Amino acid sequence: MRVIVSQLEQILNNLFENGLRYSARKTGFTTLSMEAGMAGQNENQIPYLNVIDEGAGVDPETEEHLFEPFHTTETSGTGLGLYISKELCEANQAQLSYRRTESGKSCFSIHFPHPDRNID
């Protein structure tokens, strides 16, 4: 697996900053958790990283527009963070997605390319 480190750093910084901000709003604490592992079966397994915050989660209407440029629910900011993060993931043959956990927390997942199937 080949990833441009500075781009992965930018993606993670954005996900961490967002997660810590929304966690603090709901709980008063700047906390988040990460899970990493392999998804899939046998030789089709791919690495993933989940960033899970303690915030209220994204409402369904906002979720539809989550990765669109200039979409924001904030009074400040550009609305480009998640859009750029998704574009950078795709440029590195990874996928960025969002889901709510069973307990309603926000979970942003990066699924990295299969280590043996990189496009050169």
PDB file of N, CA and C in Angstrom:
ATOM      1  N   MET A   1       0.851  -1.170   0.000  1.00  0.00           N
ATOM      2  CA  MET A   1       0.000   0.000   0.000  1.00  0.00           C
ATOM      3  C   MET A   1       0.894   1.230   0.000  1.00  0.00           C
ATOM      4  N   ARG A   2       0.615   2.125  -0.914  1.00  0.00           N
ATOM      5  CA  ARG A   2       1.366   3.370  -0.988  1.00  0.00           C
ATOM      6  C   ARG A   2       0.411   4.525  -0.775  1.00  0.00           C
ATOM      7  N   VAL A   3       0.741   5.369   0.174  1.00  0.00           N
ATOM      8  CA  VAL A   3      -0.071   6.540   0.477  1.00  0.00           C
ATOM      9  C   VAL A   3       0.877   7.721   0.604  1.00  0.00           C
ATOM     10  N   ILE A   4       0.477   8.854   0.092  1.00  0.00           N
ATOM     11  CA  ILE A   4       1.274  10.067   0.275  1.00  0.00           C
ATOM     12  C   ILE A   4       1.059  10.525   1.710  1.00  0.00           C
ATOM     13  N   VAL A   5       2.115  10.443   2.498  1.00  0.00           N
ATOM     14  CA  VAL A   5       2.026  10.652   3.938  1.00  0.00           C
ATOM     15  C   VAL A   5       1.446  12.019   4.283  1.00  0.00           C
ATOM     16  N   SER A   6       1.871  13.060   3.610  1.00  0.00           N
ATOM     17  CA  SER A   6       1.374  14.399   3.933  1.00  0.00           C
ATOM     18  C   SER A   6      -0.122  14.519   3.665  1.00  0.00           C
ATOM     19  N   GLN A   7      -0.618  13.794   2.670  1.00  0.00           N
ATOM     20  CA  GLN A   7      -2.051  13.825   2.387  1.00  0.00           C
ATOM     21  C   GLN A   7      -2.830  13.037   3.432  1.00  0.00           C
ATOM     22  N   LEU A   8      -2.307  11.909   3.846  1.00  0.00           N
ATOM     23  CA  LEU A   8      -2.952  11.146   4.910  1.00  0.00           C
ATOM     24  C   LEU A   8      -2.970  11.966   6.203  1.00  0.00           C
ATOM     25  N   GLU A   9      -1.898  12.671   6.469  1.00  0.00           N
ATOM     26  CA  GLU A   9      -1.827  13.535   7.644  1.00  0.00           C
ATOM     27  C   GLU A   9      -2.906  14.617   7.590  1.00  0.00           C
ATOM     28  N   GLN A  10      -3.109  15.218   6.432  1.00  0.00           N
ATOM     29  CA  GLN A  10      -4.143  16.243   6.269  1.00  0.00           C
ATOM     30  C   GLN A  10      -5.540  15.654   6.508  1.00  0.00           C
ATOM     31  N   ILE A  11      -5.788  14.471   5.974  1.00  0.00           N
ATOM     32  CA  ILE A  11      -7.074  13.792   6.167  1.00  0.00           C
ATOM     33  C   ILE A  11      -7.317  13.535   7.646  1.00  0.00           C
ATOM     34  N   LEU A  12      -6.335  12.938   8.303  1.00  0.00           N
ATOM     35  CA  LEU A  12      -6.490  12.607   9.716  1.00  0.00           C
ATOM     36  C   LEU A  12      -6.615  13.849  10.580  1.00  0.00           C
ATOM     37  N   ASN A  13      -5.852  14.883  10.287  1.00  0.00           N
ATOM     38  CA  ASN A  13      -5.976  16.132  11.045  1.00  0.00           C
ATOM     39  C   ASN A  13      -7.397  16.669  10.961  1.00  0.00           C
ATOM     40  N   ASN A  14      -7.986  16.644   9.775  1.00  0.00           N
ATOM     41  CA  ASN A  14      -9.343  17.140   9.614  1.00  0.00           C
ATOM     42  C   ASN A  14     -10.336  16.284  10.399  1.00  0.00           C
ATOM     43  N   LEU A  15     -10.237  14.956  10.265  1.00  0.00           N
ATOM     44  CA  LEU A  15     -11.154  14.077  10.985  1.00  0.00           C
ATOM     45  C   LEU A  15     -10.987  14.216  12.494  1.00  0.00           C
ATOM     46  N   PHE A  16      -9.761  14.335  12.966  1.00  0.00           N
ATOM     47  CA  PHE A  16      -9.519  14.488  14.398  1.00  0.00           C
ATOM     48  C   PHE A  16     -10.054  15.819  14.914  1.00  0.00           C
ATOM     49  N   GLU A  17      -9.762  16.898  14.198  1.00  0.00           N
ATOM     50  CA  GLU A  17     -10.240  18.220  14.636  1.00  0.00           C
ATOM     51  C   GLU A  17     -11.761  18.259  14.686  1.00  0.00           C
ATOM     52  N   ASN A  18     -12.411  17.744  13.651  1.00  0.00           N
ATOM     53  CA  ASN A  18     -13.877  17.704  13.643  1.00  0.00           C
ATOM     54  C   ASN A  18     -14.390  16.854  14.804  1.00  0.00           C
ATOM     55  N   GLY A  19     -13.845  15.664  14.954  1.00  0.00           N
ATOM     56  CA  GLY A  19     -14.303  14.756  16.000  1.00  0.00           C
ATOM     57  C   GLY A  19     -14.121  15.323  17.392  1.00  0.00           C
ATOM     58  N   LEU A  20     -12.979  15.933  17.645  1.00  0.00           N
ATOM     59  CA  LEU A  20     -12.730  16.517  18.957  1.00  0.00           C
ATOM     60  C   LEU A  20     -13.676  17.685  19.227  1.00  0.00           C
ATOM     61  N   ARG A  21     -13.943  18.496  18.208  1.00  0.00           N
ATOM     62  CA  ARG A  21     -14.853  19.646  18.359  1.00  0.00           C
ATOM     63  C   ARG A  21     -16.268  19.175  18.695  1.00  0.00           C
ATOM     64  N   TYR A  22     -16.774  18.197  17.946  1.00  0.00           N
ATOM     65  CA  TYR A  22     -18.144  17.735  18.183  1.00  0.00           C
ATOM     66  C   TYR A  22     -18.258  16.941  19.479  1.00  0.00           C
ATOM     67  N   SER A  23     -17.219  16.218  19.857  1.00  0.00           N
ATOM     68  CA  SER A  23     -17.220  15.539  21.150  1.00  0.00           C
ATOM     69  C   SER A  23     -17.298  16.549  22.288  1.00  0.00           C
ATOM     70  N   ALA A  24     -16.502  17.595  22.201  1.00  0.00           N
ATOM     71  CA  ALA A  24     -16.490  18.618  23.247  1.00  0.00           C
ATOM     72  C   ALA A  24     -17.847  19.303  23.368  1.00  0.00           C
ATOM     73  N   ARG A  25     -18.499  19.544  22.249  1.00  0.00           N
ATOM     74  CA  ARG A  25     -19.812  20.192  22.288  1.00  0.00           C
ATOM     75  C   ARG A  25     -20.835  19.352  23.045  1.00  0.00           C
ATOM     76  N   LYS A  26     -20.786  18.055  22.858  1.00  0.00           N
ATOM     77  CA  LYS A  26     -21.796  17.196  23.483  1.00  0.00           C
ATOM     78  C   LYS A  26     -21.418  16.802  24.910  1.00  0.00           C
ATOM     79  N   THR A  27     -20.150  16.484  25.126  1.00  0.00           N
ATOM     80  CA  THR A  27     -19.753  15.915  26.414  1.00  0.00           C
ATOM     81  C   THR A  27     -18.933  16.853  27.294  1.00  0.00           C
ATOM     82  N   GLY A  28     -18.389  17.910  26.696  1.00  0.00           N
ATOM     83  CA  GLY A  28     -17.491  18.777  27.447  1.00  0.00           C
ATOM     84  C   GLY A  28     -16.054  18.274  27.440  1.00  0.00           C
ATOM     85  N   PHE A  29     -15.818  17.142  26.805  1.00  0.00           N
ATOM     86  CA  PHE A  29     -14.481  16.556  26.744  1.00  0.00           C
ATOM     87  C   PHE A  29     -14.053  16.388  25.294  1.00  0.00           C
ATOM     88  N   THR A  30     -12.780  16.653  25.042  1.00  0.00           N
ATOM     89  CA  THR A  30     -12.235  16.473  23.690  1.00  0.00           C
ATOM     90  C   THR A  30     -11.693  15.051  23.587  1.00  0.00           C
ATOM     91  N   THR A  31     -12.585  14.135  23.231  1.00  0.00           N
ATOM     92  CA  THR A  31     -12.194  12.732  23.119  1.00  0.00           C
ATOM     93  C   THR A  31     -12.713  12.153  21.810  1.00  0.00           C
ATOM     94  N   LEU A  32     -12.006  11.173  21.336  1.00  0.00           N
ATOM     95  CA  LEU A  32     -12.456  10.369  20.206  1.00  0.00           C
ATOM     96  C   LEU A  32     -11.734   9.043  20.294  1.00  0.00           C
ATOM     97  N   SER A  33     -12.182   8.100  19.516  1.00  0.00           N
ATOM     98  CA  SER A  33     -11.512   6.803  19.505  1.00  0.00           C
ATOM     99  C   SER A  33     -11.224   6.405  18.068  1.00  0.00           C
ATOM    100  N   MET A  34     -10.276   5.496  17.938  1.00  0.00           N
ATOM    101  CA  MET A  34      -9.922   4.976  16.625  1.00  0.00           C
ATOM    102  C   MET A  34      -9.934   3.452  16.691  1.00  0.00           C
ATOM    103  N   GLU A  35     -10.355   2.870  15.601  1.00  0.00           N
ATOM    104  CA  GLU A  35     -10.312   1.426  15.434  1.00  0.00           C
ATOM    105  C   GLU A  35      -9.612   1.153  14.116  1.00  0.00           C
ATOM    106  N   ALA A  36      -8.759   0.177  14.102  1.00  0.00           N
ATOM    107  CA  ALA A  36      -8.085  -0.205  12.857  1.00  0.00           C
ATOM    108  C   ALA A  36      -8.133  -1.713  12.731  1.00  0.00           C
ATOM    109  N   GLY A  37      -8.136  -2.164  11.507  1.00  0.00           N
ATOM    110  CA  GLY A  37      -8.160  -3.601  11.286  1.00  0.00           C
ATOM    111  C   GLY A  37      -8.223  -3.932   9.821  1.00  0.00           C
ATOM    112  N   MET A  38      -8.670  -5.144   9.568  1.00  0.00           N
ATOM    113  CA  MET A  38      -8.816  -5.632   8.206  1.00  0.00           C
ATOM    114  C   MET A  38     -10.281  -5.972   7.983  1.00  0.00           C
ATOM    115  N   ALA A  39     -10.841  -5.531   6.879  1.00  0.00           N
ATOM    116  CA  ALA A  39     -12.230  -5.818   6.524  1.00  0.00           C
ATOM    117  C   ALA A  39     -12.252  -6.749   5.325  1.00  0.00           C
ATOM    118  N   GLY A  40     -13.246  -7.591   5.262  1.00  0.00           N
ATOM    119  CA  GLY A  40     -13.376  -8.499   4.132  1.00  0.00           C
ATOM    120  C   GLY A  40     -12.960  -9.907   4.501  1.00  0.00           C
ATOM    121  N   GLN A  41     -12.933 -10.739   3.494  1.00  0.00           N
ATOM    122  CA  GLN A  41     -12.649 -12.161   3.689  1.00  0.00           C
ATOM    123  C   GLN A  41     -11.357 -12.573   2.986  1.00  0.00           C
ATOM    124  N   ASN A  42     -10.585 -13.405   3.648  1.00  0.00           N
ATOM    125  CA  ASN A  42      -9.406 -14.072   3.094  1.00  0.00           C
ATOM    126  C   ASN A  42      -8.501 -13.128   2.309  1.00  0.00           C
ATOM    127  N   GLU A  43      -8.249 -13.438   1.032  1.00  0.00           N
ATOM    128  CA  GLU A  43      -7.319 -12.628   0.224  1.00  0.00           C
ATOM    129  C   GLU A  43      -7.907 -11.292  -0.202  1.00  0.00           C
ATOM    130  N   ASN A  44      -9.185 -11.074   0.059  1.00  0.00           N
ATOM    131  CA  ASN A  44      -9.817  -9.796  -0.297  1.00  0.00           C
ATOM    132  C   ASN A  44      -9.849  -8.814   0.866  1.00  0.00           C
ATOM    133  N   GLN A  45      -9.140  -9.102   1.933  1.00  0.00           N
ATOM    134  CA  GLN A  45      -9.128  -8.200   3.078  1.00  0.00           C
ATOM    135  C   GLN A  45      -8.417  -6.903   2.734  1.00  0.00           C
ATOM    136  N   ILE A  46      -8.983  -5.810   3.237  1.00  0.00           N
ATOM    137  CA  ILE A  46      -8.361  -4.502   3.054  1.00  0.00           C
ATOM    138  C   ILE A  46      -8.266  -3.808   4.407  1.00  0.00           C
ATOM    139  N   PRO A  47      -7.219  -3.008   4.593  1.00  0.00           N
ATOM    140  CA  PRO A  47      -7.064  -2.296   5.860  1.00  0.00           C
ATOM    141  C   PRO A  47      -8.065  -1.143   5.975  1.00  0.00           C
ATOM    142  N   TYR A  48      -8.507  -0.885   7.199  1.00  0.00           N
ATOM    143  CA  TYR A  48      -9.400   0.239   7.446  1.00  0.00           C
ATOM    144  C   TYR A  48      -8.996   0.945   8.731  1.00  0.00           C
ATOM    145  N   LEU A  49      -9.440   2.184   8.842  1.00  0.00           N
ATOM    146  CA  LEU A  49      -9.263   2.986  10.047  1.00  0.00           C
ATOM    147  C   LEU A  49     -10.564   3.722  10.291  1.00  0.00           C
ATOM    148  N   ASN A  50     -11.136   3.552  11.486  1.00  0.00           N
ATOM    149  CA  ASN A  50     -12.347   4.272  11.878  1.00  0.00           C
ATOM    150  C   ASN A  50     -11.987   5.354  12.884  1.00  0.00           C
ATOM    151  N   VAL A  51     -12.537   6.534  12.695  1.00  0.00           N
ATOM    152  CA  VAL A  51     -12.410   7.631  13.649  1.00  0.00           C
ATOM    153  C   VAL A  51     -13.811   7.882  14.188  1.00  0.00           C
ATOM    154  N   ILE A  52     -13.998   7.669  15.493  1.00  0.00           N
ATOM    155  CA  ILE A  52     -15.322   7.725  16.109  1.00  0.00           C
ATOM    156  C   ILE A  52     -15.315   8.810  17.175  1.00  0.00           C
ATOM    157  N   ASP A  53     -16.250   9.760  17.047  1.00  0.00           N
ATOM    158  CA  ASP A  53     -16.308  10.825  18.050  1.00  0.00           C
ATOM    159  C   ASP A  53     -17.485  10.600  18.998  1.00  0.00           C
ATOM    160  N   GLU A  54     -17.539  11.419  20.026  1.00  0.00           N
ATOM    161  CA  GLU A  54     -18.576  11.319  21.050  1.00  0.00           C
ATOM    162  C   GLU A  54     -19.680  12.347  20.835  1.00  0.00           C
ATOM    163  N   GLY A  55     -19.716  12.944  19.648  1.00  0.00           N
ATOM    164  CA  GLY A  55     -20.707  13.975  19.358  1.00  0.00           C
ATOM    165  C   GLY A  55     -22.097  13.418  19.148  1.00  0.00           C
ATOM    166  N   ALA A  56     -23.002  14.292  18.747  1.00  0.00           N
ATOM    167  CA  ALA A  56     -24.414  13.936  18.583  1.00  0.00           C
ATOM    168  C   ALA A  56     -24.687  13.151  17.298  1.00  0.00           C
ATOM    169  N   GLY A  57     -23.729  13.055  16.414  1.00  0.00           N
ATOM    170  CA  GLY A  57     -23.949  12.388  15.132  1.00  0.00           C
ATOM    171  C   GLY A  57     -24.486  13.371  14.109  1.00  0.00           C
ATOM    172  N   VAL A  58     -24.450  12.975  12.871  1.00  0.00           N
ATOM    173  CA  VAL A  58     -24.890  13.825  11.757  1.00  0.00           C
ATOM    174  C   VAL A  58     -26.344  13.491  11.447  1.00  0.00           C
ATOM    175  N   ASP A  59     -27.175  14.514  11.347  1.00  0.00           N
ATOM    176  CA  ASP A  59     -28.578  14.253  11.031  1.00  0.00           C
ATOM    177  C   ASP A  59     -28.702  13.794   9.571  1.00  0.00           C
ATOM    178  N   PRO A  60     -29.769  13.053   9.249  1.00  0.00           N
ATOM    179  CA  PRO A  60     -29.904  12.472   7.904  1.00  0.00           C
ATOM    180  C   PRO A  60     -29.865  13.496   6.771  1.00  0.00           C
ATOM    181  N   GLU A  61     -30.438  14.678   6.968  1.00  0.00           N
ATOM    182  CA  GLU A  61     -30.422  15.695   5.911  1.00  0.00           C
ATOM    183  C   GLU A  61     -29.003  16.178   5.634  1.00  0.00           C
ATOM    184  N   THR A  62     -28.245  16.413   6.682  1.00  0.00           N
ATOM    185  CA  THR A  62     -26.857  16.848   6.528  1.00  0.00           C
ATOM    186  C   THR A  62     -26.009  15.730   5.938  1.00  0.00           C
ATOM    187  N   GLU A  63     -26.297  14.494   6.328  1.00  0.00           N
ATOM    188  CA  GLU A  63     -25.517  13.355   5.852  1.00  0.00           C
ATOM    189  C   GLU A  63     -25.539  13.256   4.324  1.00  0.00           C
ATOM    190  N   GLU A  64     -26.653  13.610   3.714  1.00  0.00           N
ATOM    191  CA  GLU A  64     -26.761  13.563   2.250  1.00  0.00           C
ATOM    192  C   GLU A  64     -25.752  14.478   1.567  1.00  0.00           C
ATOM    193  N   HIS A  65     -25.334  15.546   2.242  1.00  0.00           N
ATOM    194  CA  HIS A  65     -24.455  16.560   1.652  1.00  0.00           C
ATOM    195  C   HIS A  65     -23.078  16.603   2.310  1.00  0.00           C
ATOM    196  N   LEU A  66     -22.789  15.635   3.132  1.00  0.00           N
ATOM    197  CA  LEU A  66     -21.611  15.662   3.987  1.00  0.00           C
ATOM    198  C   LEU A  66     -20.300  15.902   3.245  1.00  0.00           C
ATOM    199  N   PHE A  67     -20.129  15.302   2.088  1.00  0.00           N
ATOM    200  CA  PHE A  67     -18.855  15.403   1.370  1.00  0.00           C
ATOM    201  C   PHE A  67     -18.911  16.377   0.198  1.00  0.00           C
ATOM    202  N   GLU A  68     -19.953  17.196   0.131  1.00  0.00           N
ATOM    203  CA  GLU A  68     -20.061  18.191  -0.938  1.00  0.00           C
ATOM    204  C   GLU A  68     -19.232  19.427  -0.593  1.00  0.00           C
ATOM    205  N   PRO A  69     -18.617  20.046  -1.598  1.00  0.00           N
ATOM    206  CA  PRO A  69     -17.828  21.251  -1.326  1.00  0.00           C
ATOM    207  C   PRO A  69     -18.732  22.389  -0.843  1.00  0.00           C
ATOM    208  N   PHE A  70     -18.213  23.148   0.105  1.00  0.00           N
ATOM    209  CA  PHE A  70     -18.846  24.343   0.666  1.00  0.00           C
ATOM    210  C   PHE A  70     -20.067  24.054   1.524  1.00  0.00           C
ATOM    211  N   HIS A  71     -20.344  22.791   1.803  1.00  0.00           N
ATOM    212  CA  HIS A  71     -21.456  22.468   2.704  1.00  0.00           C
ATOM    213  C   HIS A  71     -20.944  22.491   4.135  1.00  0.00           C
ATOM    214  N   THR A  72     -21.566  23.295   4.963  1.00  0.00           N
ATOM    215  CA  THR A  72     -21.169  23.368   6.365  1.00  0.00           C
ATOM    216  C   THR A  72     -22.383  23.638   7.234  1.00  0.00           C
ATOM    217  N   THR A  73     -22.317  23.198   8.458  1.00  0.00           N
ATOM    218  CA  THR A  73     -23.342  23.513   9.446  1.00  0.00           C
ATOM    219  C   THR A  73     -22.795  24.515  10.455  1.00  0.00           C
ATOM    220  N   GLU A  74     -21.582  24.965  10.232  1.00  0.00           N
ATOM    221  CA  GLU A  74     -20.909  25.898  11.132  1.00  0.00           C
ATOM    222  C   GLU A  74     -21.138  27.341  10.692  1.00  0.00           C
ATOM    223  N   THR A  75     -20.987  28.259  11.642  1.00  0.00           N
ATOM    224  CA  THR A  75     -21.088  29.677  11.288  1.00  0.00           C
ATOM    225  C   THR A  75     -19.786  30.202  10.707  1.00  0.00           C
ATOM    226  N   SER A  76     -18.696  29.486  10.962  1.00  0.00           N
ATOM    227  CA  SER A  76     -17.414  29.849  10.358  1.00  0.00           C
ATOM    228  C   SER A  76     -16.854  28.597   9.688  1.00  0.00           C
ATOM    229  N   GLY A  77     -15.859  28.771   8.870  1.00  0.00           N
ATOM    230  CA  GLY A  77     -15.281  27.646   8.145  1.00  0.00           C
ATOM    231  C   GLY A  77     -15.732  27.674   6.693  1.00  0.00           C
ATOM    232  N   THR A  78     -15.051  26.896   5.891  1.00  0.00           N
ATOM    233  CA  THR A  78     -15.303  26.932   4.447  1.00  0.00           C
ATOM    234  C   THR A  78     -16.221  25.818   3.960  1.00  0.00           C
ATOM    235  N   GLY A  79     -16.396  24.780   4.755  1.00  0.00           N
ATOM    236  CA  GLY A  79     -17.165  23.635   4.280  1.00  0.00           C
ATOM    237  C   GLY A  79     -16.379  22.788   3.286  1.00  0.00           C
ATOM    238  N   LEU A  80     -15.063  22.877   3.348  1.00  0.00           N
ATOM    239  CA  LEU A  80     -14.227  22.122   2.409  1.00  0.00           C
ATOM    240  C   LEU A  80     -13.478  20.959   3.057  1.00  0.00           C
ATOM    241  N   GLY A  81     -13.454  20.893   4.378  1.00  0.00           N
ATOM    242  CA  GLY A  81     -12.641  19.887   5.066  1.00  0.00           C
ATOM    243  C   GLY A  81     -12.950  18.458   4.667  1.00  0.00           C
ATOM    244  N   LEU A  82     -14.210  18.055   4.770  1.00  0.00           N
ATOM    245  CA  LEU A  82     -14.569  16.676   4.429  1.00  0.00           C
ATOM    246  C   LEU A  82     -14.499  16.430   2.930  1.00  0.00           C
ATOM    247  N   TYR A  83     -14.845  17.446   2.158  1.00  0.00           N
ATOM    248  CA  TYR A  83     -14.737  17.317   0.695  1.00  0.00           C
ATOM    249  C   TYR A  83     -13.282  17.051   0.299  1.00  0.00           C
ATOM    250  N   ILE A  84     -12.368  17.860   0.807  1.00  0.00           N
ATOM    251  CA  ILE A  84     -10.950  17.695   0.481  1.00  0.00           C
ATOM    252  C   ILE A  84     -10.440  16.359   1.012  1.00  0.00           C
ATOM    253  N   SER A  85     -10.869  15.981   2.209  1.00  0.00           N
ATOM    254  CA  SER A  85     -10.445  14.700   2.777  1.00  0.00           C
ATOM    255  C   SER A  85     -10.874  13.541   1.891  1.00  0.00           C
ATOM    256  N   LYS A  86     -12.096  13.584   1.403  1.00  0.00           N
ATOM    257  CA  LYS A  86     -12.592  12.516   0.520  1.00  0.00           C
ATOM    258  C   LYS A  86     -11.802  12.503  -0.789  1.00  0.00           C
ATOM    259  N   GLU A  87     -11.545  13.675  -1.356  1.00  0.00           N
ATOM    260  CA  GLU A  87     -10.774  13.761  -2.601  1.00  0.00           C
ATOM    261  C   GLU A  87      -9.350  13.234  -2.406  1.00  0.00           C
ATOM    262  N   LEU A  88      -8.730  13.566  -1.280  1.00  0.00           N
ATOM    263  CA  LEU A  88      -7.380  13.086  -1.010  1.00  0.00           C
ATOM    264  C   LEU A  88      -7.364  11.568  -0.815  1.00  0.00           C
ATOM    265  N   CYS A  89      -8.386  11.046  -0.158  1.00  0.00           N
ATOM    266  CA  CYS A  89      -8.487   9.583  -0.029  1.00  0.00           C
ATOM    267  C   CYS A  89      -8.539   8.946  -1.404  1.00  0.00           C
ATOM    268  N   GLU A  90      -9.407   9.453  -2.254  1.00  0.00           N
ATOM    269  CA  GLU A  90      -9.558   8.875  -3.585  1.00  0.00           C
ATOM    270  C   GLU A  90      -8.272   8.997  -4.396  1.00  0.00           C
ATOM    271  N   ALA A  91      -7.545  10.094  -4.231  1.00  0.00           N
ATOM    272  CA  ALA A  91      -6.270  10.269  -4.928  1.00  0.00           C
ATOM    273  C   ALA A  91      -5.245   9.229  -4.470  1.00  0.00           C
ATOM    274  N   ASN A  92      -5.448   8.693  -3.274  1.00  0.00           N
ATOM    275  CA  ASN A  92      -4.565   7.663  -2.722  1.00  0.00           C
ATOM    276  C   ASN A  92      -5.201   6.279  -2.777  1.00  0.00           C
ATOM    277  N   GLN A  93      -6.193   6.114  -3.647  1.00  0.00           N
ATOM    278  CA  GLN A  93      -6.885   4.849  -3.870  1.00  0.00           C
ATOM    279  C   GLN A  93      -7.587   4.324  -2.612  1.00  0.00           C
ATOM    280  N   ALA A  94      -7.972   5.231  -1.732  1.00  0.00           N
ATOM    281  CA  ALA A  94      -8.704   4.867  -0.516  1.00  0.00           C
ATOM    282  C   ALA A  94     -10.117   5.435  -0.622  1.00  0.00           C
ATOM    283  N   GLN A  95     -10.986   5.014   0.284  1.00  0.00           N
ATOM    284  CA  GLN A  95     -12.357   5.519   0.309  1.00  0.00           C
ATOM    285  C   GLN A  95     -12.665   6.048   1.695  1.00  0.00           C
ATOM    286  N   LEU A  96     -13.300   7.210   1.741  1.00  0.00           N
ATOM    287  CA  LEU A  96     -13.748   7.810   2.995  1.00  0.00           C
ATOM    288  C   LEU A  96     -15.265   7.740   3.024  1.00  0.00           C
ATOM    289  N   SER A  97     -15.799   7.231   4.115  1.00  0.00           N
ATOM    290  CA  SER A  97     -17.256   7.125   4.242  1.00  0.00           C
ATOM    291  C   SER A  97     -17.676   7.503   5.659  1.00  0.00           C
ATOM    292  N   TYR A  98     -18.980   7.696   5.818  1.00  0.00           N
ATOM    293  CA  TYR A  98     -19.554   8.045   7.113  1.00  0.00           C
ATOM    294  C   TYR A  98     -20.682   7.076   7.443  1.00  0.00           C
ATOM    295  N   ARG A  99     -20.787   6.757   8.715  1.00  0.00           N
ATOM    296  CA  ARG A  99     -21.936   6.016   9.215  1.00  0.00           C
ATOM    297  C   ARG A  99     -22.112   6.361  10.689  1.00  0.00           C
ATOM    298  N   ARG A 100     -23.291   6.098  11.187  1.00  0.00           N
ATOM    299  CA  ARG A 100     -23.540   6.232  12.620  1.00  0.00           C
ATOM    300  C   ARG A 100     -23.355   4.859  13.252  1.00  0.00           C
ATOM    301  N   THR A 101     -22.720   4.843  14.408  1.00  0.00           N
ATOM    302  CA  THR A 101     -22.562   3.588  15.129  1.00  0.00           C
ATOM    303  C   THR A 101     -23.910   3.191  15.730  1.00  0.00           C
ATOM    304  N   GLU A 102     -23.990   1.991  16.259  1.00  0.00           N
ATOM    305  CA  GLU A 102     -25.223   1.532  16.897  1.00  0.00           C
ATOM    306  C   GLU A 102     -25.640   2.449  18.041  1.00  0.00           C
ATOM    307  N   SER A 103     -24.675   3.084  18.691  1.00  0.00           N
ATOM    308  CA  SER A 103     -24.986   3.993  19.792  1.00  0.00           C
ATOM    309  C   SER A 103     -25.182   5.437  19.319  1.00  0.00           C
ATOM    310  N   GLY A 104     -25.185   5.661  17.997  1.00  0.00           N
ATOM    311  CA  GLY A 104     -25.472   6.986  17.446  1.00  0.00           C
ATOM    312  C   GLY A 104     -24.282   7.908  17.289  1.00  0.00           C
ATOM    313  N   LYS A 105     -23.094   7.409  17.519  1.00  0.00           N
ATOM    314  CA  LYS A 105     -21.893   8.233  17.363  1.00  0.00           C
ATOM    315  C   LYS A 105     -21.508   8.319  15.892  1.00  0.00           C
ATOM    316  N   SER A 106     -20.785   9.373  15.549  1.00  0.00           N
ATOM    317  CA  SER A 106     -20.289   9.520  14.180  1.00  0.00           C
ATOM    318  C   SER A 106     -19.034   8.680  13.996  1.00  0.00           C
ATOM    319  N   CYS A 107     -19.000   7.952  12.882  1.00  0.00           N
ATOM    320  CA  CYS A 107     -17.844   7.121  12.554  1.00  0.00           C
ATOM    321  C   CYS A 107     -17.440   7.422  11.114  1.00  0.00           C
ATOM    322  N   PHE A 108     -16.260   7.975  10.948  1.00  0.00           N
ATOM    323  CA  PHE A 108     -15.688   8.186   9.620  1.00  0.00           C
ATOM    324  C   PHE A 108     -14.690   7.065   9.376  1.00  0.00           C
ATOM    325  N   SER A 109     -14.853   6.376   8.265  1.00  0.00           N
ATOM    326  CA  SER A 109     -14.018   5.216   7.946  1.00  0.00           C
ATOM    327  C   SER A 109     -13.189   5.475   6.702  1.00  0.00           C
ATOM    328  N   ILE A 110     -11.919   5.133   6.802  1.00  0.00           N
ATOM    329  CA  ILE A 110     -11.040   5.133   5.638  1.00  0.00           C
ATOM    330  C   ILE A 110     -10.752   3.680   5.324  1.00  0.00           C
ATOM    331  N   HIS A 111     -11.120   3.255   4.131  1.00  0.00           N
ATOM    332  CA  HIS A 111     -10.782   1.915   3.647  1.00  0.00           C
ATOM    333  C   HIS A 111      -9.651   2.089   2.638  1.00  0.00           C
ATOM    334  N   PHE A 112      -8.510   1.539   2.991  1.00  0.00           N
ATOM    335  CA  PHE A 112      -7.319   1.675   2.167  1.00  0.00           C
ATOM    336  C   PHE A 112      -7.325   0.617   1.067  1.00  0.00           C
ATOM    337  N   PRO A 113      -6.545   0.836   0.014  1.00  0.00           N
ATOM    338  CA  PRO A 113      -6.502  -0.150  -1.067  1.00  0.00           C
ATOM    339  C   PRO A 113      -5.853  -1.448  -0.602  1.00  0.00           C
ATOM    340  N   HIS A 114      -6.181  -2.522  -1.287  1.00  0.00           N
ATOM    341  CA  HIS A 114      -5.553  -3.804  -1.013  1.00  0.00           C
ATOM    342  C   HIS A 114      -4.053  -3.653  -1.260  1.00  0.00           C
ATOM    343  N   PRO A 115      -3.218  -4.093  -0.334  1.00  0.00           N
ATOM    344  CA  PRO A 115      -1.773  -3.880  -0.461  1.00  0.00           C
ATOM    345  C   PRO A 115      -1.162  -4.455  -1.734  1.00  0.00           C
ATOM    346  N   ASP A 116      -1.763  -5.503  -2.287  1.00  0.00           N
ATOM    347  CA  ASP A 116      -1.200  -6.142  -3.474  1.00  0.00           C
ATOM    348  C   ASP A 116      -1.838  -5.672  -4.766  1.00  0.00           C
ATOM    349  N   ARG A 117      -2.743  -4.717  -4.690  1.00  0.00           N
ATOM    350  CA  ARG A 117      -3.478  -4.306  -5.890  1.00  0.00           C
ATOM    351  C   ARG A 117      -3.390  -2.808  -6.138  1.00  0.00           C
ATOM    352  N   ASN A 118      -2.248  -2.236  -5.902  1.00  0.00           N
ATOM    353  CA  ASN A 118      -2.069  -0.811  -6.165  1.00  0.00           C
ATOM    354  C   ASN A 118      -1.989  -0.533  -7.644  1.00  0.00           C
ATOM    355  N   ILE A 119      -2.504   0.608  -8.029  1.00  0.00           N
ATOM    356  CA  ILE A 119      -2.364   1.068  -9.409  1.00  0.00           C
ATOM    357  C   ILE A 119      -1.124   1.948  -9.456  1.00  0.00           C
ATOM    358  N   ASP A 120      -0.174   1.587 -10.269  1.00  0.00           N
ATOM    359  CA  ASP A 120       1.063   2.395 -10.337  1.00  0.00           C
ATOM    360  C   ASP A 120       0.960   3.492 -11.363  1.00  0.00           C
TER     361      ASP A 120
END
